[in-house]
Amino acid sequence: MSEIRAFFEQGAWKDFSKEHTHLREQLEKSLKGYKASRFRDPVAVWGAYGAGKTQFLFWVAEESVKTGLVPVYLHLNDLLENLPADTSPDTFSKHATAFVGRLLDELKTPGKDDGHLREVFRDSNLLDFVKGNLHADASKTVVLVDEVEQAYLSLKDRVRADDRSPLKAWLEEGAFKILAFAVGSLYVLVVASQSVRKLTARAKAEDVPRLPNSRDRSYLDSCFEQVRATIRRPDFQSPDASCEFKRVYL
């Protein structure tokens, strides 16, 4: 199978279904609310390989700029850079926040070498769009975390979380965060992270080469039901009394 790779192009996102429209409108509302100084719970986006998770994050980055926010795109693995062994969740939160802070400084400093930014953003067109269109007074950050499943287990090995998620403290830190990860990693992440309280599940089963038949669609349904059952367990303690979790097939 040939490589499926997302790339940024301004205005490329299109709504091809009612679910597309709902997802877009939901995030537009969240971004505007966050801009108006209201804290937003983290949002998790999941789907199969090639389902469009990264392309959706690129659209969120574009919409963030238009809303007067500062988007920072990265892979979870980037936050492991120079992370000491046997780190606590609180120390990881400070480490991750400092990493994002350095990226913001590089974004906002004219003439500063952007080699590190290009390495982290990975898509030069996306970075050029963000740098060229940031509002002068933009200060609030939207952190877009991709490829969570690729680094989460490594993160768990390096962060001494005990009964807490290694991401918990950082997810509750002020910046609005949107995380994208593949089917299969969803159960691992949600069981461990009680602070991901508002989840939007998205999977494009019919259009992804790896998911050609109804059996695979049933597997996606099974993953969803596992997570929903976990959230409903009496011993699942969320900082909120409720947890909104919706499955959206694109």
Protein backbone atom coordinates (compact mmCIF):
# COMPACT_ATOMS: atom_id res chain seq x y z
CA MET A 1 0.00 0.00 0.00
CA SER A 2 1.38 3.40 -0.91
CA GLU A 3 2.09 5.93 1.83
CA ILE A 4 -0.82 8.12 2.87
CA ARG A 5 0.55 11.49 3.87
CA ALA A 6 -1.26 14.62 4.93
CA PHE A 7 -0.10 18.02 3.66
CA PHE A 8 -1.25 21.50 4.47
CA GLU A 9 -3.07 23.58 1.89
CA GLN A 10 -5.05 26.64 2.94
CA GLY A 11 -8.78 26.08 2.54
CA ALA A 12 -8.33 22.39 1.70
CA TRP A 13 -10.75 21.05 4.33
CA LYS A 14 -14.19 20.22 2.91
CA ASP A 15 -17.32 18.86 4.56
CA PHE A 16 -18.31 15.66 2.77
CA SER A 17 -20.94 14.54 5.28
CA LYS A 18 -23.20 15.73 8.08
CA GLU A 19 -20.61 14.34 10.50
CA HIS A 20 -17.92 16.49 8.89
CA THR A 21 -20.11 19.54 9.34
CA HIS A 22 -20.90 18.69 12.95
CA LEU A 23 -17.25 18.10 13.83
CA ARG A 24 -16.13 21.33 12.16
CA GLU A 25 -18.85 23.40 13.83
CA GLN A 26 -18.10 21.86 17.22
CA LEU A 27 -14.41 22.80 16.99
CA GLU A 28 -15.18 26.28 15.65
CA LYS A 29 -17.37 26.84 18.69
CA SER A 30 -14.66 25.48 21.03
CA LEU A 31 -11.99 27.74 19.54
CA LYS A 32 -14.18 30.83 19.85
CA GLY A 33 -15.02 29.92 23.44
CA TYR A 34 -11.37 29.44 24.27
CA LYS A 35 -10.51 32.79 22.66
CA ALA A 36 -13.13 34.36 24.94
CA SER A 37 -11.11 33.20 27.96
CA ARG A 38 -13.13 30.09 28.71
CA PHE A 39 -11.13 26.95 29.55
CA ARG A 40 -11.76 24.09 27.13
CA ASP A 41 -11.46 20.42 28.00
CA PRO A 42 -8.96 18.51 25.83
CA VAL A 43 -10.38 16.93 22.69
CA ALA A 44 -9.22 13.53 21.44
CA VAL A 45 -9.62 12.61 17.76
CA TRP A 46 -9.16 8.99 16.75
CA GLY A 47 -9.39 6.95 13.60
CA ALA A 48 -7.71 4.36 11.41
CA TYR A 49 -4.50 4.93 9.49
CA GLY A 50 -5.23 7.31 6.62
CA ALA A 51 -8.61 8.41 8.02
CA GLY A 52 -7.64 12.10 7.99
CA LYS A 53 -6.63 12.80 11.59
CA THR A 54 -3.56 14.85 10.66
CA GLN A 55 -5.47 16.69 7.92
CA PHE A 56 -8.09 17.61 10.52
CA LEU A 57 -5.39 18.95 12.87
CA PHE A 58 -4.05 21.06 10.00
CA TRP A 59 -7.53 22.52 9.52
CA VAL A 60 -7.74 23.28 13.26
CA ALA A 61 -4.38 25.07 12.98
CA GLU A 62 -5.73 27.18 10.09
CA GLU A 63 -8.96 27.96 11.94
CA SER A 64 -7.00 28.82 15.11
CA VAL A 65 -5.01 31.46 13.26
CA LYS A 66 -8.20 32.94 11.80
CA THR A 67 -9.71 33.04 15.30
CA GLY A 68 -6.74 34.95 16.70
CA LEU A 69 -5.08 32.01 18.45
CA VAL A 70 -1.59 30.55 18.12
CA PRO A 71 -1.52 26.92 16.94
CA VAL A 72 1.45 24.70 17.72
CA TYR A 73 1.60 21.37 15.89
CA LEU A 74 3.85 18.59 17.20
CA HIS A 75 4.12 14.85 17.69
CA LEU A 76 3.90 13.47 21.20
CA ASN A 77 7.37 12.02 20.69
CA ASP A 78 8.78 15.57 20.54
CA LEU A 79 7.87 16.02 24.20
CA LEU A 80 10.19 13.14 25.13
CA GLU A 81 13.17 15.19 23.95
CA ASN A 82 15.61 15.66 26.87
CA LEU A 83 13.03 14.29 29.29
CA PRO A 84 14.82 12.89 32.38
CA ALA A 85 14.15 9.30 33.38
CA ASP A 86 11.83 8.58 36.31
CA THR A 87 9.94 11.85 35.86
CA SER A 88 6.70 12.65 37.70
CA PRO A 89 3.54 13.77 35.83
CA ASP A 90 3.94 17.27 37.29
CA THR A 91 7.55 17.47 36.13
CA PHE A 92 6.53 16.24 32.68
CA SER A 93 3.84 18.93 32.57
CA LYS A 94 6.45 21.62 33.28
CA HIS A 95 8.80 20.07 30.69
CA ALA A 96 6.07 19.95 28.00
CA THR A 97 4.86 23.47 28.79
CA ALA A 98 8.42 24.79 28.53
CA PHE A 99 8.89 22.97 25.19
CA VAL A 100 5.75 24.57 23.76
CA GLY A 101 6.88 27.93 25.19
CA ARG A 102 10.14 27.73 23.28
CA LEU A 103 8.24 27.01 20.07
CA LEU A 104 6.03 30.04 20.70
CA ASP A 105 9.09 32.22 21.21
CA GLU A 106 10.55 30.98 17.93
CA LEU A 107 7.24 31.59 16.16
CA LYS A 108 6.91 35.16 17.38
CA THR A 109 10.52 36.35 17.06
CA PRO A 110 11.13 37.90 13.61
CA GLY A 111 14.32 36.78 11.95
CA LYS A 112 14.95 33.96 14.39
CA ASP A 113 16.25 30.73 12.86
CA ASP A 114 13.26 28.45 12.33
CA GLY A 115 15.10 25.18 11.74
CA HIS A 116 13.79 23.67 14.95
CA LEU A 117 10.25 24.84 14.18
CA ARG A 118 10.35 23.19 10.76
CA GLU A 119 11.56 19.98 12.34
CA VAL A 120 8.68 19.97 14.84
CA PHE A 121 5.88 21.22 12.54
CA ARG A 122 7.11 18.81 9.83
CA ASP A 123 5.03 20.52 7.13
CA SER A 124 6.73 23.69 5.86
CA ASN A 125 3.55 24.99 4.24
CA LEU A 126 1.75 24.78 7.57
CA LEU A 127 4.55 26.60 9.39
CA ASP A 128 4.78 29.31 6.72
CA PHE A 129 1.02 29.87 6.93
CA VAL A 130 1.08 30.15 10.72
CA LYS A 131 4.09 32.50 10.77
CA GLY A 132 2.72 34.65 7.98
CA ASN A 133 -0.79 35.07 9.36
CA LEU A 134 -0.50 35.26 13.15
CA HIS A 135 -2.45 38.12 14.68
CA ALA A 136 -0.12 40.63 16.32
CA ASP A 137 -1.95 40.35 19.65
CA ALA A 138 -2.45 36.57 19.57
CA SER A 139 -1.41 35.08 22.90
CA LYS A 140 -3.53 31.99 23.63
CA THR A 141 -2.15 28.68 22.41
CA VAL A 142 -3.83 25.70 20.79
CA VAL A 143 -1.57 22.64 21.04
CA LEU A 144 -2.18 20.01 18.34
CA VAL A 145 -0.62 16.68 19.34
CA ASP A 146 -0.32 14.06 16.61
CA GLU A 147 0.90 10.44 16.57
CA VAL A 148 0.01 9.87 20.21
CA GLU A 149 -0.01 6.09 19.89
CA GLN A 150 3.58 6.07 18.62
CA ALA A 151 5.01 7.58 21.80
CA TYR A 152 2.51 7.00 24.59
CA LEU A 153 3.95 3.69 25.80
CA SER A 154 7.46 5.18 25.81
CA LEU A 155 6.10 8.10 27.80
CA LYS A 156 4.58 5.72 30.35
CA ASP A 157 7.95 4.02 30.72
CA ARG A 158 9.68 7.31 31.48
CA VAL A 159 7.10 9.06 33.65
CA ARG A 160 6.46 7.71 37.13
CA ALA A 161 2.67 7.98 37.05
CA ASP A 162 1.60 5.36 39.63
CA ASP A 163 -2.21 5.40 39.27
CA ARG A 164 -2.21 8.60 37.21
CA SER A 165 -1.75 9.15 33.52
CA PRO A 166 1.63 10.64 32.58
CA LEU A 167 -0.35 13.21 30.57
CA LYS A 168 -2.86 14.12 33.27
CA ALA A 169 -1.18 17.20 34.77
CA TRP A 170 -0.24 18.61 31.35
CA LEU A 171 -3.72 18.09 29.90
CA GLU A 172 -5.15 20.12 32.76
CA GLU A 173 -2.69 22.97 32.17
CA GLY A 174 -4.35 26.01 30.60
CA ALA A 175 -3.68 25.67 26.86
CA PHE A 176 -6.41 24.09 24.72
CA LYS A 177 -5.15 20.71 23.49
CA ILE A 178 -6.35 18.46 20.70
CA LEU A 179 -4.81 14.99 20.44
CA ALA A 180 -4.98 12.56 17.51
CA PHE A 181 -4.26 8.87 17.69
CA ALA A 182 -5.04 5.62 15.93
CA VAL A 183 -7.61 2.95 16.61
CA GLY A 184 -6.22 0.56 19.20
CA SER A 185 -4.43 3.24 21.21
CA LEU A 186 -7.75 4.82 22.22
CA TYR A 187 -8.48 2.26 24.93
CA VAL A 188 -4.97 2.53 26.36
CA LEU A 189 -5.08 6.32 26.52
CA VAL A 190 -8.58 6.79 27.93
CA VAL A 191 -8.22 4.13 30.62
CA ALA A 192 -5.01 5.79 31.78
CA SER A 193 -5.98 9.42 31.35
CA GLN A 194 -9.00 10.45 33.34
CA SER A 195 -8.55 14.07 32.33
CA VAL A 196 -9.46 13.57 28.68
CA ARG A 197 -13.08 14.25 29.40
CA LYS A 198 -14.51 15.28 26.06
CA LEU A 199 -13.69 12.89 23.25
CA THR A 200 -14.73 13.04 19.63
CA ALA A 201 -14.22 9.69 17.92
CA ARG A 202 -13.91 9.67 14.18
CA ALA A 203 -13.16 6.80 11.83
CA LYS A 204 -13.60 6.48 8.10
CA ALA A 205 -13.91 2.73 7.87
CA GLU A 206 -15.32 2.42 4.34
CA ASP A 207 -12.68 4.58 2.66
CA VAL A 208 -9.50 3.29 4.32
CA PRO A 209 -7.63 0.47 2.52
CA ARG A 210 -6.84 -1.30 5.80
CA LEU A 211 -10.54 -1.52 6.71
CA PRO A 212 -12.22 -3.01 3.65
CA ASN A 213 -15.00 -5.10 5.18
CA SER A 214 -17.74 -5.20 7.75
CA ARG A 215 -15.65 -7.26 10.15
CA ASP A 216 -13.19 -4.37 10.48
CA ARG A 217 -16.06 -1.92 10.94
CA SER A 218 -17.25 -4.18 13.76
CA TYR A 219 -13.77 -3.95 15.29
CA LEU A 220 -14.06 -0.15 15.37
CA ASP A 221 -17.46 -0.48 17.04
CA SER A 222 -15.95 -2.87 19.57
CA CYS A 223 -13.15 -0.40 20.41
CA PHE A 224 -15.70 2.33 20.94
CA GLU A 225 -17.88 0.19 23.20
CA GLN A 226 -14.85 -0.86 25.29
CA VAL A 227 -13.96 2.75 25.99
CA ARG A 228 -17.54 3.80 26.66
CA ALA A 229 -17.94 0.90 29.09
CA THR A 230 -14.75 1.94 30.87
CA ILE A 231 -15.93 5.52 31.24
CA ARG A 232 -19.20 4.32 32.72
CA ARG A 233 -17.55 2.11 35.36
CA PRO A 234 -18.11 3.29 38.95
CA ASP A 235 -14.36 3.29 39.63
CA PHE A 236 -13.61 5.56 36.65
CA GLN A 237 -13.09 8.91 38.37
CA SER A 238 -13.23 11.95 36.15
CA PRO A 239 -12.68 15.51 37.39
CA ASP A 240 -16.09 16.18 35.85
CA ALA A 241 -19.29 14.42 36.89
CA SER A 242 -19.98 13.61 33.24
CA CYS A 243 -17.98 12.60 30.22
CA GLU A 244 -19.15 13.38 26.72
CA PHE A 245 -17.95 10.74 24.29
CA LYS A 246 -19.28 10.57 20.78
CA ARG A 247 -18.48 8.35 17.84
CA VAL A 248 -18.52 10.12 14.49
CA TYR A 249 -17.98 8.13 11.27
CA LEU A 250 -16.88 10.43 8.47
